[in-house]
Amino acid sequence: MSNQKFEITNPEAIELINRIKSGTIWQPISSKLSKYKWILIGFFVLIGLFIAISIGKKLSQQATPKYLPPSLSEVTPTKASQVRSTFDPLKKSIIDFSSQLPNPAIPATDNSLSLEQTLIQ
């Protein structure tokens, strides 16, 4: 293989290469992009999310389920064992306890009482 060196003699090309090396060619582009920086960041984040969702969807479609729950027609009811306890009558009385409170009796009023009078003698 031969190592050939190319020499650029076109003055416009030399000027363009010098502008690229110095970075002056990128200044108008970067000033336009800096105005829309947050819009571009949001756009790239949304694109990344869409790509991640599509990859996850493809992976989940390819994966075989490890466990399939039984269908509802095959479900058998569990049998609860009845345990007898010494507290069964207490439990039954608590369950059967009525939460309805009786109507309160109207208290007797004594109009001769006053707050200024001491009752203790």
PDB file of N, CA and C in Angstrom:
ATOM      1  N   MET A   1       0.827  -1.177   0.000  1.00  0.00           N
ATOM      2  CA  MET A   1       0.000   0.000   0.000  1.00  0.00           C
ATOM      3  C   MET A   1       0.876   1.247   0.000  1.00  0.00           C
ATOM      4  N   SER A   2       0.472   2.153  -0.780  1.00  0.00           N
ATOM      5  CA  SER A   2       1.264   3.375  -0.843  1.00  0.00           C
ATOM      6  C   SER A   2       0.555   4.472  -0.063  1.00  0.00           C
ATOM      7  N   ASN A   3       1.319   5.234   0.618  1.00  0.00           N
ATOM      8  CA  ASN A   3       0.797   6.376   1.383  1.00  0.00           C
ATOM      9  C   ASN A   3       0.912   7.616   0.519  1.00  0.00           C
ATOM     10  N   GLN A   4      -0.188   7.971  -0.100  1.00  0.00           N
ATOM     11  CA  GLN A   4      -0.177   9.152  -0.935  1.00  0.00           C
ATOM     12  C   GLN A   4      -0.715  10.318  -0.147  1.00  0.00           C
ATOM     13  N   LYS A   5      -0.112  11.460  -0.343  1.00  0.00           N
ATOM     14  CA  LYS A   5      -0.590  12.680   0.296  1.00  0.00           C
ATOM     15  C   LYS A   5      -1.240  13.527  -0.779  1.00  0.00           C
ATOM     16  N   PHE A   6      -2.443  13.991  -0.429  1.00  0.00           N
ATOM     17  CA  PHE A   6      -3.154  14.868  -1.339  1.00  0.00           C
ATOM     18  C   PHE A   6      -2.974  16.290  -0.866  1.00  0.00           C
ATOM     19  N   GLU A   7      -2.661  17.135  -1.788  1.00  0.00           N
ATOM     20  CA  GLU A   7      -2.522  18.544  -1.445  1.00  0.00           C
ATOM     21  C   GLU A   7      -3.677  19.296  -2.097  1.00  0.00           C
ATOM     22  N   ILE A   8      -4.355  20.085  -1.256  1.00  0.00           N
ATOM     23  CA  ILE A   8      -5.508  20.829  -1.732  1.00  0.00           C
ATOM     24  C   ILE A   8      -5.026  22.202  -2.155  1.00  0.00           C
ATOM     25  N   THR A   9      -5.349  22.549  -3.392  1.00  0.00           N
ATOM     26  CA  THR A   9      -4.881  23.828  -3.917  1.00  0.00           C
ATOM     27  C   THR A   9      -6.025  24.807  -4.152  1.00  0.00           C
ATOM     28  N   ASN A  10      -7.252  24.338  -4.060  1.00  0.00           N
ATOM     29  CA  ASN A  10      -8.404  25.211  -4.276  1.00  0.00           C
ATOM     30  C   ASN A  10      -8.513  26.171  -3.095  1.00  0.00           C
ATOM     31  N   PRO A  11      -8.503  27.484  -3.338  1.00  0.00           N
ATOM     32  CA  PRO A  11      -8.546  28.436  -2.227  1.00  0.00           C
ATOM     33  C   PRO A  11      -9.865  28.405  -1.460  1.00  0.00           C
ATOM     34  N   GLU A  12     -10.989  28.114  -2.133  1.00  0.00           N
ATOM     35  CA  GLU A  12     -12.264  28.019  -1.418  1.00  0.00           C
ATOM     36  C   GLU A  12     -12.284  26.805  -0.499  1.00  0.00           C
ATOM     37  N   ALA A  13     -11.711  25.691  -0.959  1.00  0.00           N
ATOM     38  CA  ALA A  13     -11.653  24.490  -0.130  1.00  0.00           C
ATOM     39  C   ALA A  13     -10.730  24.706   1.065  1.00  0.00           C
ATOM     40  N   ILE A  14      -9.619  25.385   0.858  1.00  0.00           N
ATOM     41  CA  ILE A  14      -8.694  25.679   1.965  1.00  0.00           C
ATOM     42  C   ILE A  14      -9.383  26.566   2.986  1.00  0.00           C
ATOM     43  N   GLU A  15     -10.133  27.568   2.509  1.00  0.00           N
ATOM     44  CA  GLU A  15     -10.853  28.457   3.420  1.00  0.00           C
ATOM     45  C   GLU A  15     -11.910  27.676   4.210  1.00  0.00           C
ATOM     46  N   LEU A  16     -12.637  26.758   3.527  1.00  0.00           N
ATOM     47  CA  LEU A  16     -13.646  25.947   4.198  1.00  0.00           C
ATOM     48  C   LEU A  16     -13.011  25.027   5.245  1.00  0.00           C
ATOM     49  N   ILE A  17     -11.885  24.429   4.940  1.00  0.00           N
ATOM     50  CA  ILE A  17     -11.180  23.558   5.903  1.00  0.00           C
ATOM     51  C   ILE A  17     -10.733  24.363   7.106  1.00  0.00           C
ATOM     52  N   ASN A  18     -10.224  25.552   6.895  1.00  0.00           N
ATOM     53  CA  ASN A  18      -9.795  26.405   8.016  1.00  0.00           C
ATOM     54  C   ASN A  18     -10.992  26.824   8.876  1.00  0.00           C
ATOM     55  N   ARG A  19     -12.145  27.098   8.243  1.00  0.00           N
ATOM     56  CA  ARG A  19     -13.338  27.457   9.022  1.00  0.00           C
ATOM     57  C   ARG A  19     -13.830  26.266   9.844  1.00  0.00           C
ATOM     58  N   ILE A  20     -13.729  25.064   9.288  1.00  0.00           N
ATOM     59  CA  ILE A  20     -14.140  23.871  10.029  1.00  0.00           C
ATOM     60  C   ILE A  20     -13.193  23.640  11.203  1.00  0.00           C
ATOM     61  N   LYS A  21     -11.892  23.793  10.986  1.00  0.00           N
ATOM     62  CA  LYS A  21     -10.913  23.591  12.055  1.00  0.00           C
ATOM     63  C   LYS A  21     -11.078  24.622  13.165  1.00  0.00           C
ATOM     64  N   SER A  22     -11.378  25.853  12.809  1.00  0.00           N
ATOM     65  CA  SER A  22     -11.517  26.895  13.836  1.00  0.00           C
ATOM     66  C   SER A  22     -12.879  26.847  14.516  1.00  0.00           C
ATOM     67  N   GLY A  23     -13.871  26.254  13.871  1.00  0.00           N
ATOM     68  CA  GLY A  23     -15.195  26.143  14.472  1.00  0.00           C
ATOM     69  C   GLY A  23     -16.125  27.281  14.126  1.00  0.00           C
ATOM     70  N   THR A  24     -15.697  28.183  13.283  1.00  0.00           N
ATOM     71  CA  THR A  24     -16.566  29.312  12.930  1.00  0.00           C
ATOM     72  C   THR A  24     -17.720  28.882  12.035  1.00  0.00           C
ATOM     73  N   ILE A  25     -17.594  27.770  11.355  1.00  0.00           N
ATOM     74  CA  ILE A  25     -18.677  27.306  10.489  1.00  0.00           C
ATOM     75  C   ILE A  25     -19.857  26.787  11.316  1.00  0.00           C
ATOM     76  N   TRP A  26     -19.600  26.344  12.538  1.00  0.00           N
ATOM     77  CA  TRP A  26     -20.655  25.760  13.379  1.00  0.00           C
ATOM     78  C   TRP A  26     -21.395  26.800  14.217  1.00  0.00           C
ATOM     79  N   GLN A  27     -20.894  28.024  14.290  1.00  0.00           N
ATOM     80  CA  GLN A  27     -21.520  29.036  15.135  1.00  0.00           C
ATOM     81  C   GLN A  27     -22.949  29.393  14.720  1.00  0.00           C
ATOM     82  N   PRO A  28     -23.272  29.584  13.443  1.00  0.00           N
ATOM     83  CA  PRO A  28     -24.676  29.873  13.109  1.00  0.00           C
ATOM     84  C   PRO A  28     -25.606  28.699  13.426  1.00  0.00           C
ATOM     85  N   ILE A  29     -25.115  27.493  13.205  1.00  0.00           N
ATOM     86  CA  ILE A  29     -25.942  26.312  13.482  1.00  0.00           C
ATOM     87  C   ILE A  29     -26.169  26.176  14.984  1.00  0.00           C
ATOM     88  N   SER A  30     -25.108  26.375  15.771  1.00  0.00           N
ATOM     89  CA  SER A  30     -25.252  26.221  17.225  1.00  0.00           C
ATOM     90  C   SER A  30     -26.119  27.330  17.823  1.00  0.00           C
ATOM     91  N   SER A  31     -26.090  28.524  17.239  1.00  0.00           N
ATOM     92  CA  SER A  31     -26.947  29.588  17.767  1.00  0.00           C
ATOM     93  C   SER A  31     -28.421  29.293  17.481  1.00  0.00           C
ATOM     94  N   LYS A  32     -28.721  28.686  16.329  1.00  0.00           N
ATOM     95  CA  LYS A  32     -30.102  28.313  16.034  1.00  0.00           C
ATOM     96  C   LYS A  32     -30.553  27.150  16.916  1.00  0.00           C
ATOM     97  N   LEU A  33     -29.668  26.199  17.153  1.00  0.00           N
ATOM     98  CA  LEU A  33     -30.021  25.038  17.982  1.00  0.00           C
ATOM     99  C   LEU A  33     -30.170  25.407  19.452  1.00  0.00           C
ATOM    100  N   SER A  34     -29.426  26.410  19.909  1.00  0.00           N
ATOM    101  CA  SER A  34     -29.518  26.779  21.325  1.00  0.00           C
ATOM    102  C   SER A  34     -30.882  27.394  21.663  1.00  0.00           C
ATOM    103  N   LYS A  35     -31.544  27.987  20.671  1.00  0.00           N
ATOM    104  CA  LYS A  35     -32.886  28.534  20.902  1.00  0.00           C
ATOM    105  C   LYS A  35     -33.888  27.417  21.166  1.00  0.00           C
ATOM    106  N   TYR A  36     -33.707  26.306  20.487  1.00  0.00           N
ATOM    107  CA  TYR A  36     -34.661  25.201  20.567  1.00  0.00           C
ATOM    108  C   TYR A  36     -34.076  24.006  21.328  1.00  0.00           C
ATOM    109  N   LYS A  37     -33.184  24.294  22.276  1.00  0.00           N
ATOM    110  CA  LYS A  37     -32.488  23.218  22.983  1.00  0.00           C
ATOM    111  C   LYS A  37     -33.459  22.319  23.728  1.00  0.00           C
ATOM    112  N   TRP A  38     -34.382  22.881  24.486  1.00  0.00           N
ATOM    113  CA  TRP A  38     -35.285  22.065  25.309  1.00  0.00           C
ATOM    114  C   TRP A  38     -36.299  21.314  24.453  1.00  0.00           C
ATOM    115  N   ILE A  39     -36.684  21.891  23.344  1.00  0.00           N
ATOM    116  CA  ILE A  39     -37.590  21.190  22.433  1.00  0.00           C
ATOM    117  C   ILE A  39     -36.885  19.972  21.838  1.00  0.00           C
ATOM    118  N   LEU A  40     -35.634  20.151  21.452  1.00  0.00           N
ATOM    119  CA  LEU A  40     -34.875  19.034  20.902  1.00  0.00           C
ATOM    120  C   LEU A  40     -34.627  17.952  21.948  1.00  0.00           C
ATOM    121  N   ILE A  41     -34.317  18.356  23.174  1.00  0.00           N
ATOM    122  CA  ILE A  41     -34.101  17.368  24.236  1.00  0.00           C
ATOM    123  C   ILE A  41     -35.384  16.582  24.485  1.00  0.00           C
ATOM    124  N   GLY A  42     -36.509  17.267  24.556  1.00  0.00           N
ATOM    125  CA  GLY A  42     -37.792  16.589  24.744  1.00  0.00           C
ATOM    126  C   GLY A  42     -38.120  15.655  23.594  1.00  0.00           C
ATOM    127  N   PHE A  43     -37.821  16.081  22.382  1.00  0.00           N
ATOM    128  CA  PHE A  43     -38.065  15.245  21.210  1.00  0.00           C
ATOM    129  C   PHE A  43     -37.238  13.964  21.272  1.00  0.00           C
ATOM    130  N   PHE A  44     -35.957  14.095  21.618  1.00  0.00           N
ATOM    131  CA  PHE A  44     -35.099  12.913  21.689  1.00  0.00           C
ATOM    132  C   PHE A  44     -35.496  11.998  22.850  1.00  0.00           C
ATOM    133  N   VAL A  45     -35.966  12.563  23.944  1.00  0.00           N
ATOM    134  CA  VAL A  45     -36.446  11.737  25.052  1.00  0.00           C
ATOM    135  C   VAL A  45     -37.686  10.958  24.631  1.00  0.00           C
ATOM    136  N   LEU A  46     -38.611  11.614  23.927  1.00  0.00           N
ATOM    137  CA  LEU A  46     -39.804  10.921  23.444  1.00  0.00           C
ATOM    138  C   LEU A  46     -39.453   9.824  22.448  1.00  0.00           C
ATOM    139  N   ILE A  47     -38.536  10.101  21.562  1.00  0.00           N
ATOM    140  CA  ILE A  47     -38.098   9.080  20.603  1.00  0.00           C
ATOM    141  C   ILE A  47     -37.485   7.902  21.352  1.00  0.00           C
ATOM    142  N   GLY A  48     -36.671   8.191  22.369  1.00  0.00           N
ATOM    143  CA  GLY A  48     -36.071   7.111  23.166  1.00  0.00           C
ATOM    144  C   GLY A  48     -37.118   6.290  23.890  1.00  0.00           C
ATOM    145  N   LEU A  49     -38.139   6.953  24.427  1.00  0.00           N
ATOM    146  CA  LEU A  49     -39.211   6.219  25.104  1.00  0.00           C
ATOM    147  C   LEU A  49     -39.979   5.333  24.132  1.00  0.00           C
ATOM    148  N   PHE A  50     -40.285   5.854  22.954  1.00  0.00           N
ATOM    149  CA  PHE A  50     -41.000   5.050  21.964  1.00  0.00           C
ATOM    150  C   PHE A  50     -40.173   3.842  21.527  1.00  0.00           C
ATOM    151  N   ILE A  51     -38.881   4.041  21.361  1.00  0.00           N
ATOM    152  CA  ILE A  51     -38.011   2.917  20.990  1.00  0.00           C
ATOM    153  C   ILE A  51     -37.975   1.889  22.117  1.00  0.00           C
ATOM    154  N   ALA A  52     -37.859   2.349  23.367  1.00  0.00           N
ATOM    155  CA  ALA A  52     -37.817   1.421  24.499  1.00  0.00           C
ATOM    156  C   ALA A  52     -39.133   0.657  24.631  1.00  0.00           C
ATOM    157  N   ILE A  53     -40.253   1.329  24.420  1.00  0.00           N
ATOM    158  CA  ILE A  53     -41.552   0.651  24.510  1.00  0.00           C
ATOM    159  C   ILE A  53     -41.695  -0.378  23.401  1.00  0.00           C
ATOM    160  N   SER A  54     -41.257  -0.041  22.198  1.00  0.00           N
ATOM    161  CA  SER A  54     -41.388  -0.999  21.097  1.00  0.00           C
ATOM    162  C   SER A  54     -40.476  -2.207  21.315  1.00  0.00           C
ATOM    163  N   ILE A  55     -39.272  -1.993  21.839  1.00  0.00           N
ATOM    164  CA  ILE A  55     -38.374  -3.114  22.132  1.00  0.00           C
ATOM    165  C   ILE A  55     -38.975  -3.987  23.230  1.00  0.00           C
ATOM    166  N   GLY A  56     -39.516  -3.365  24.273  1.00  0.00           N
ATOM    167  CA  GLY A  56     -40.140  -4.128  25.346  1.00  0.00           C
ATOM    168  C   GLY A  56     -41.348  -4.911  24.865  1.00  0.00           C
ATOM    169  N   LYS A  57     -42.126  -4.331  23.971  1.00  0.00           N
ATOM    170  CA  LYS A  57     -43.295  -5.026  23.435  1.00  0.00           C
ATOM    171  C   LYS A  57     -42.865  -6.248  22.630  1.00  0.00           C
ATOM    172  N   LYS A  58     -41.849  -6.090  21.806  1.00  0.00           N
ATOM    173  CA  LYS A  58     -41.352  -7.224  21.023  1.00  0.00           C
ATOM    174  C   LYS A  58     -40.805  -8.318  21.935  1.00  0.00           C
ATOM    175  N   LEU A  59     -40.075  -7.943  22.959  1.00  0.00           N
ATOM    176  CA  LEU A  59     -39.524  -8.943  23.879  1.00  0.00           C
ATOM    177  C   LEU A  59     -40.617  -9.659  24.644  1.00  0.00           C
ATOM    178  N   SER A  60     -41.646  -8.934  25.055  1.00  0.00           N
ATOM    179  CA  SER A  60     -42.722  -9.583  25.804  1.00  0.00           C
ATOM    180  C   SER A  60     -43.555 -10.485  24.907  1.00  0.00           C
ATOM    181  N   GLN A  61     -43.660 -10.174  23.621  1.00  0.00           N
ATOM    182  CA  GLN A  61     -44.394 -11.034  22.706  1.00  0.00           C
ATOM    183  C   GLN A  61     -43.624 -12.312  22.407  1.00  0.00           C
ATOM    184  N   GLN A  62     -42.302 -12.236  22.433  1.00  0.00           N
ATOM    185  CA  GLN A  62     -41.487 -13.412  22.144  1.00  0.00           C
ATOM    186  C   GLN A  62     -41.361 -14.331  23.347  1.00  0.00           C
ATOM    187  N   ALA A  63     -41.499 -13.803  24.534  1.00  0.00           N
ATOM    188  CA  ALA A  63     -41.322 -14.606  25.739  1.00  0.00           C
ATOM    189  C   ALA A  63     -42.527 -15.520  25.924  1.00  0.00           C
ATOM    190  N   THR A  64     -42.253 -16.742  26.313  1.00  0.00           N
ATOM    191  CA  THR A  64     -43.342 -17.669  26.624  1.00  0.00           C
ATOM    192  C   THR A  64     -43.667 -17.535  28.099  1.00  0.00           C
ATOM    193  N   PRO A  65     -44.950 -17.589  28.453  1.00  0.00           N
ATOM    194  CA  PRO A  65     -45.294 -17.448  29.874  1.00  0.00           C
ATOM    195  C   PRO A  65     -44.823 -18.671  30.667  1.00  0.00           C
ATOM    196  N   LYS A  66     -44.251 -18.432  31.808  1.00  0.00           N
ATOM    197  CA  LYS A  66     -43.736 -19.502  32.650  1.00  0.00           C
ATOM    198  C   LYS A  66     -44.865 -20.160  33.442  1.00  0.00           C
ATOM    199  N   TYR A  67     -45.889 -19.403  33.785  1.00  0.00           N
ATOM    200  CA  TYR A  67     -46.983 -19.926  34.591  1.00  0.00           C
ATOM    201  C   TYR A  67     -48.295 -19.418  34.035  1.00  0.00           C
ATOM    202  N   LEU A  68     -49.183 -20.325  33.767  1.00  0.00           N
ATOM    203  CA  LEU A  68     -50.516 -19.940  33.324  1.00  0.00           C
ATOM    204  C   LEU A  68     -51.492 -20.236  34.445  1.00  0.00           C
ATOM    205  N   PRO A  69     -52.247 -19.281  34.890  1.00  0.00           N
ATOM    206  CA  PRO A  69     -53.225 -19.556  35.944  1.00  0.00           C
ATOM    207  C   PRO A  69     -54.325 -20.458  35.403  1.00  0.00           C
ATOM    208  N   PRO A  70     -54.930 -21.264  36.255  1.00  0.00           N
ATOM    209  CA  PRO A  70     -55.987 -22.151  35.778  1.00  0.00           C
ATOM    210  C   PRO A  70     -57.216 -21.360  35.343  1.00  0.00           C
ATOM    211  N   SER A  71     -57.951 -21.953  34.424  1.00  0.00           N
ATOM    212  CA  SER A  71     -59.161 -21.274  33.985  1.00  0.00           C
ATOM    213  C   SER A  71     -60.195 -21.333  35.101  1.00  0.00           C
ATOM    214  N   LEU A  72     -61.174 -20.453  35.034  1.00  0.00           N
ATOM    215  CA  LEU A  72     -62.147 -20.348  36.117  1.00  0.00           C
ATOM    216  C   LEU A  72     -63.046 -21.571  36.236  1.00  0.00           C
ATOM    217  N   SER A  73     -63.210 -22.319  35.148  1.00  0.00           N
ATOM    218  CA  SER A  73     -64.081 -23.487  35.229  1.00  0.00           C
ATOM    219  C   SER A  73     -63.442 -24.606  36.045  1.00  0.00           C
ATOM    220  N   GLU A  74     -62.133 -24.601  36.212  1.00  0.00           N
ATOM    221  CA  GLU A  74     -61.440 -25.659  36.935  1.00  0.00           C
ATOM    222  C   GLU A  74     -61.220 -25.329  38.412  1.00  0.00           C
ATOM    223  N   VAL A  75     -61.621 -24.173  38.840  1.00  0.00           N
ATOM    224  CA  VAL A  75     -61.362 -23.767  40.214  1.00  0.00           C
ATOM    225  C   VAL A  75     -62.270 -24.560  41.148  1.00  0.00           C
ATOM    226  N   THR A  76     -61.671 -25.132  42.162  1.00  0.00           N
ATOM    227  CA  THR A  76     -62.453 -25.866  43.161  1.00  0.00           C
ATOM    228  C   THR A  76     -62.466 -25.049  44.443  1.00  0.00           C
ATOM    229  N   PRO A  77     -63.594 -24.995  45.110  1.00  0.00           N
ATOM    230  CA  PRO A  77     -63.647 -24.216  46.348  1.00  0.00           C
ATOM    231  C   PRO A  77     -62.850 -24.909  47.454  1.00  0.00           C
ATOM    232  N   THR A  78     -62.238 -24.100  48.282  1.00  0.00           N
ATOM    233  CA  THR A  78     -61.483 -24.652  49.407  1.00  0.00           C
ATOM    234  C   THR A  78     -62.449 -24.974  50.531  1.00  0.00           C
ATOM    235  N   LYS A  79     -62.132 -26.015  51.256  1.00  0.00           N
ATOM    236  CA  LYS A  79     -62.989 -26.425  52.353  1.00  0.00           C
ATOM    237  C   LYS A  79     -62.389 -25.909  53.650  1.00  0.00           C
ATOM    238  N   ALA A  80     -63.147 -25.086  54.327  1.00  0.00           N
ATOM    239  CA  ALA A  80     -62.690 -24.528  55.600  1.00  0.00           C
ATOM    240  C   ALA A  80     -63.030 -25.511  56.714  1.00  0.00           C
ATOM    241  N   SER A  81     -62.054 -25.782  57.533  1.00  0.00           N
ATOM    242  CA  SER A  81     -62.310 -26.700  58.643  1.00  0.00           C
ATOM    243  C   SER A  81     -62.917 -25.912  59.800  1.00  0.00           C
ATOM    244  N   GLN A  82     -63.917 -26.488  60.386  1.00  0.00           N
ATOM    245  CA  GLN A  82     -64.585 -25.842  61.508  1.00  0.00           C
ATOM    246  C   GLN A  82     -63.812 -26.153  62.782  1.00  0.00           C
ATOM    247  N   VAL A  83     -63.368 -25.122  63.438  1.00  0.00           N
ATOM    248  CA  VAL A  83     -62.620 -25.274  64.678  1.00  0.00           C
ATOM    249  C   VAL A  83     -63.527 -24.858  65.823  1.00  0.00           C
ATOM    250  N   ARG A  84     -63.648 -25.721  66.792  1.00  0.00           N
ATOM    251  CA  ARG A  84     -64.455 -25.409  67.978  1.00  0.00           C
ATOM    252  C   ARG A  84     -63.559 -24.787  69.031  1.00  0.00           C
ATOM    253  N   SER A  85     -64.093 -23.738  69.639  1.00  0.00           N
ATOM    254  CA  SER A  85     -63.330 -23.041  70.653  1.00  0.00           C
ATOM    255  C   SER A  85     -64.218 -22.780  71.854  1.00  0.00           C
ATOM    256  N   THR A  86     -63.589 -22.507  72.983  1.00  0.00           N
ATOM    257  CA  THR A  86     -64.362 -22.183  74.186  1.00  0.00           C
ATOM    258  C   THR A  86     -64.928 -20.767  74.099  1.00  0.00           C
ATOM    259  N   PHE A  87     -64.434 -19.998  73.146  1.00  0.00           N
ATOM    260  CA  PHE A  87     -64.887 -18.617  73.000  1.00  0.00           C
ATOM    261  C   PHE A  87     -65.978 -18.472  71.950  1.00  0.00           C
ATOM    262  N   ASP A  88     -66.473 -19.569  71.409  1.00  0.00           N
ATOM    263  CA  ASP A  88     -67.524 -19.486  70.396  1.00  0.00           C
ATOM    264  C   ASP A  88     -68.783 -18.778  70.888  1.00  0.00           C
ATOM    265  N   PRO A  89     -69.282 -19.046  72.122  1.00  0.00           N
ATOM    266  CA  PRO A  89     -70.469 -18.294  72.558  1.00  0.00           C
ATOM    267  C   PRO A  89     -70.212 -16.789  72.666  1.00  0.00           C
ATOM    268  N   LEU A  90     -68.998 -16.421  73.115  1.00  0.00           N
ATOM    269  CA  LEU A  90     -68.656 -15.000  73.211  1.00  0.00           C
ATOM    270  C   LEU A  90     -68.608 -14.364  71.819  1.00  0.00           C
ATOM    271  N   LYS A  91     -68.023 -15.087  70.868  1.00  0.00           N
ATOM    272  CA  LYS A  91     -67.946 -14.592  69.501  1.00  0.00           C
ATOM    273  C   LYS A  91     -69.347 -14.410  68.918  1.00  0.00           C
ATOM    274  N   LYS A  92     -70.210 -15.388  69.174  1.00  0.00           N
ATOM    275  CA  LYS A  92     -71.577 -15.300  68.663  1.00  0.00           C
ATOM    276  C   LYS A  92     -72.320 -14.129  69.290  1.00  0.00           C
ATOM    277  N   SER A  93     -72.128 -13.896  70.590  1.00  0.00           N
ATOM    278  CA  SER A  93     -72.813 -12.775  71.233  1.00  0.00           C
ATOM    279  C   SER A  93     -72.289 -11.432  70.728  1.00  0.00           C
ATOM    280  N   ILE A  94     -71.004 -11.369  70.392  1.00  0.00           N
ATOM    281  CA  ILE A  94     -70.445 -10.127  69.835  1.00  0.00           C
ATOM    282  C   ILE A  94     -71.002  -9.892  68.434  1.00  0.00           C
ATOM    283  N   ILE A  95     -71.095 -10.954  67.642  1.00  0.00           N
ATOM    284  CA  ILE A  95     -71.615 -10.808  66.280  1.00  0.00           C
ATOM    285  C   ILE A  95     -73.089 -10.414  66.321  1.00  0.00           C
ATOM    286  N   ASP A  96     -73.841 -11.004  67.243  1.00  0.00           N
ATOM    287  CA  ASP A  96     -75.270 -10.725  67.325  1.00  0.00           C
ATOM    288  C   ASP A  96     -75.602  -9.455  68.094  1.00  0.00           C
ATOM    289  N   PHE A  97     -74.596  -8.773  68.636  1.00  0.00           N
ATOM    290  CA  PHE A  97     -74.838  -7.576  69.438  1.00  0.00           C
ATOM    291  C   PHE A  97     -75.414  -6.480  68.553  1.00  0.00           C
ATOM    292  N   SER A  98     -76.468  -5.879  69.018  1.00  0.00           N
ATOM    293  CA  SER A  98     -77.112  -4.827  68.259  1.00  0.00           C
ATOM    294  C   SER A  98     -76.359  -3.517  68.457  1.00  0.00           C
ATOM    295  N   SER A  99     -76.102  -2.856  67.366  1.00  0.00           N
ATOM    296  CA  SER A  99     -75.400  -1.575  67.459  1.00  0.00           C
ATOM    297  C   SER A  99     -76.377  -0.410  67.591  1.00  0.00           C
ATOM    298  N   GLN A 100     -77.649  -0.708  67.599  1.00  0.00           N
ATOM    299  CA  GLN A 100     -78.653   0.337  67.762  1.00  0.00           C
ATOM    300  C   GLN A 100     -78.704   0.766  69.219  1.00  0.00           C
ATOM    301  N   LEU A 101     -78.508   2.019  69.474  1.00  0.00           N
ATOM    302  CA  LEU A 101     -78.565   2.543  70.838  1.00  0.00           C
ATOM    303  C   LEU A 101     -80.003   2.917  71.172  1.00  0.00           C
ATOM    304  N   PRO A 102     -80.403   2.710  72.429  1.00  0.00           N
ATOM    305  CA  PRO A 102     -81.770   3.097  72.795  1.00  0.00           C
ATOM    306  C   PRO A 102     -81.888   4.612  72.855  1.00  0.00           C
ATOM    307  N   ASN A 103     -83.111   5.088  72.757  1.00  0.00           N
ATOM    308  CA  ASN A 103     -83.344   6.519  72.866  1.00  0.00           C
ATOM    309  C   ASN A 103     -83.007   6.954  74.292  1.00  0.00           C
ATOM    310  N   PRO A 104     -82.213   7.995  74.421  1.00  0.00           N
ATOM    311  CA  PRO A 104     -81.838   8.415  75.773  1.00  0.00           C
ATOM    312  C   PRO A 104     -83.028   9.047  76.506  1.00  0.00           C
ATOM    313  N   ALA A 105     -83.037   8.825  77.798  1.00  0.00           N
ATOM    314  CA  ALA A 105     -84.088   9.438  78.615  1.00  0.00           C
ATOM    315  C   ALA A 105     -83.745  10.906  78.830  1.00  0.00           C
ATOM    316  N   ILE A 106     -84.755  11.738  78.865  1.00  0.00           N
ATOM    317  CA  ILE A 106     -84.536  13.164  79.086  1.00  0.00           C
ATOM    318  C   ILE A 106     -84.140  13.360  80.539  1.00  0.00           C
ATOM    319  N   PRO A 107     -83.018  13.999  80.795  1.00  0.00           N
ATOM    320  CA  PRO A 107     -82.573  14.153  82.179  1.00  0.00           C
ATOM    321  C   PRO A 107     -83.514  15.084  82.967  1.00  0.00           C
ATOM    322  N   ALA A 108     -83.542  14.824  84.215  1.00  0.00           N
ATOM    323  CA  ALA A 108     -84.375  15.672  85.081  1.00  0.00           C
ATOM    324  C   ALA A 108     -83.694  17.018  85.258  1.00  0.00           C
ATOM    325  N   THR A 109     -84.453  18.052  85.208  1.00  0.00           N
ATOM    326  CA  THR A 109     -83.875  19.390  85.355  1.00  0.00           C
ATOM    327  C   THR A 109     -84.248  19.954  86.729  1.00  0.00           C
ATOM    328  N   ASP A 110     -83.298  20.630  87.316  1.00  0.00           N
ATOM    329  CA  ASP A 110     -83.508  21.283  88.602  1.00  0.00           C
ATOM    330  C   ASP A 110     -83.184  22.754  88.393  1.00  0.00           C
ATOM    331  N   ASN A 111     -84.164  23.592  88.361  1.00  0.00           N
ATOM    332  CA  ASN A 111     -83.967  25.010  88.099  1.00  0.00           C
ATOM    333  C   ASN A 111     -83.408  25.761  89.295  1.00  0.00           C
ATOM    334  N   SER A 112     -83.345  25.119  90.440  1.00  0.00           N
ATOM    335  CA  SER A 112     -82.851  25.825  91.623  1.00  0.00           C
ATOM    336  C   SER A 112     -81.327  25.799  91.705  1.00  0.00           C
ATOM    337  N   LEU A 113     -80.653  25.063  90.847  1.00  0.00           N
ATOM    338  CA  LEU A 113     -79.183  25.020  90.856  1.00  0.00           C
ATOM    339  C   LEU A 113     -78.629  26.288  90.219  1.00  0.00           C
ATOM    340  N   SER A 114     -77.533  26.765  90.780  1.00  0.00           N
ATOM    341  CA  SER A 114     -76.849  27.899  90.167  1.00  0.00           C
ATOM    342  C   SER A 114     -75.353  27.647  90.249  1.00  0.00           C
ATOM    343  N   LEU A 115     -74.629  28.274  89.382  1.00  0.00           N
ATOM    344  CA  LEU A 115     -73.183  28.069  89.343  1.00  0.00           C
ATOM    345  C   LEU A 115     -72.473  28.815  90.475  1.00  0.00           C
ATOM    346  N   GLU A 116     -73.131  29.755  91.070  1.00  0.00           N
ATOM    347  CA  GLU A 116     -72.499  30.537  92.133  1.00  0.00           C
ATOM    348  C   GLU A 116     -72.631  29.847  93.479  1.00  0.00           C
ATOM    349  N   GLN A 117     -73.465  28.917  93.589  1.00  0.00           N
ATOM    350  CA  GLN A 117     -73.721  28.244  94.860  1.00  0.00           C
ATOM    351  C   GLN A 117     -72.768  27.057  94.987  1.00  0.00           C
ATOM    352  N   THR A 118     -72.137  26.890  96.143  1.00  0.00           N
ATOM    353  CA  THR A 118     -71.266  25.757  96.374  1.00  0.00           C
ATOM    354  C   THR A 118     -72.072  24.626  96.994  1.00  0.00           C
ATOM    355  N   LEU A 119     -71.901  23.444  96.460  1.00  0.00           N
ATOM    356  CA  LEU A 119     -72.661  22.312  96.955  1.00  0.00           C
ATOM    357  C   LEU A 119     -71.972  21.604  98.112  1.00  0.00           C
ATOM    358  N   ILE A 120     -70.658  21.724  98.190  1.00  0.00           N
ATOM    359  CA  ILE A 120     -69.908  21.058  99.264  1.00  0.00           C
ATOM    360  C   ILE A 120     -69.884  21.960 100.478  1.00  0.00           C
ATOM    361  N   GLN A 121     -70.226  21.358 101.632  1.00  0.00           N
ATOM    362  CA  GLN A 121     -70.254  22.170 102.853  1.00  0.00           C
ATOM    363  C   GLN A 121     -69.338  21.623 103.903  1.00  0.00           C
TER     364      GLN A 121
END
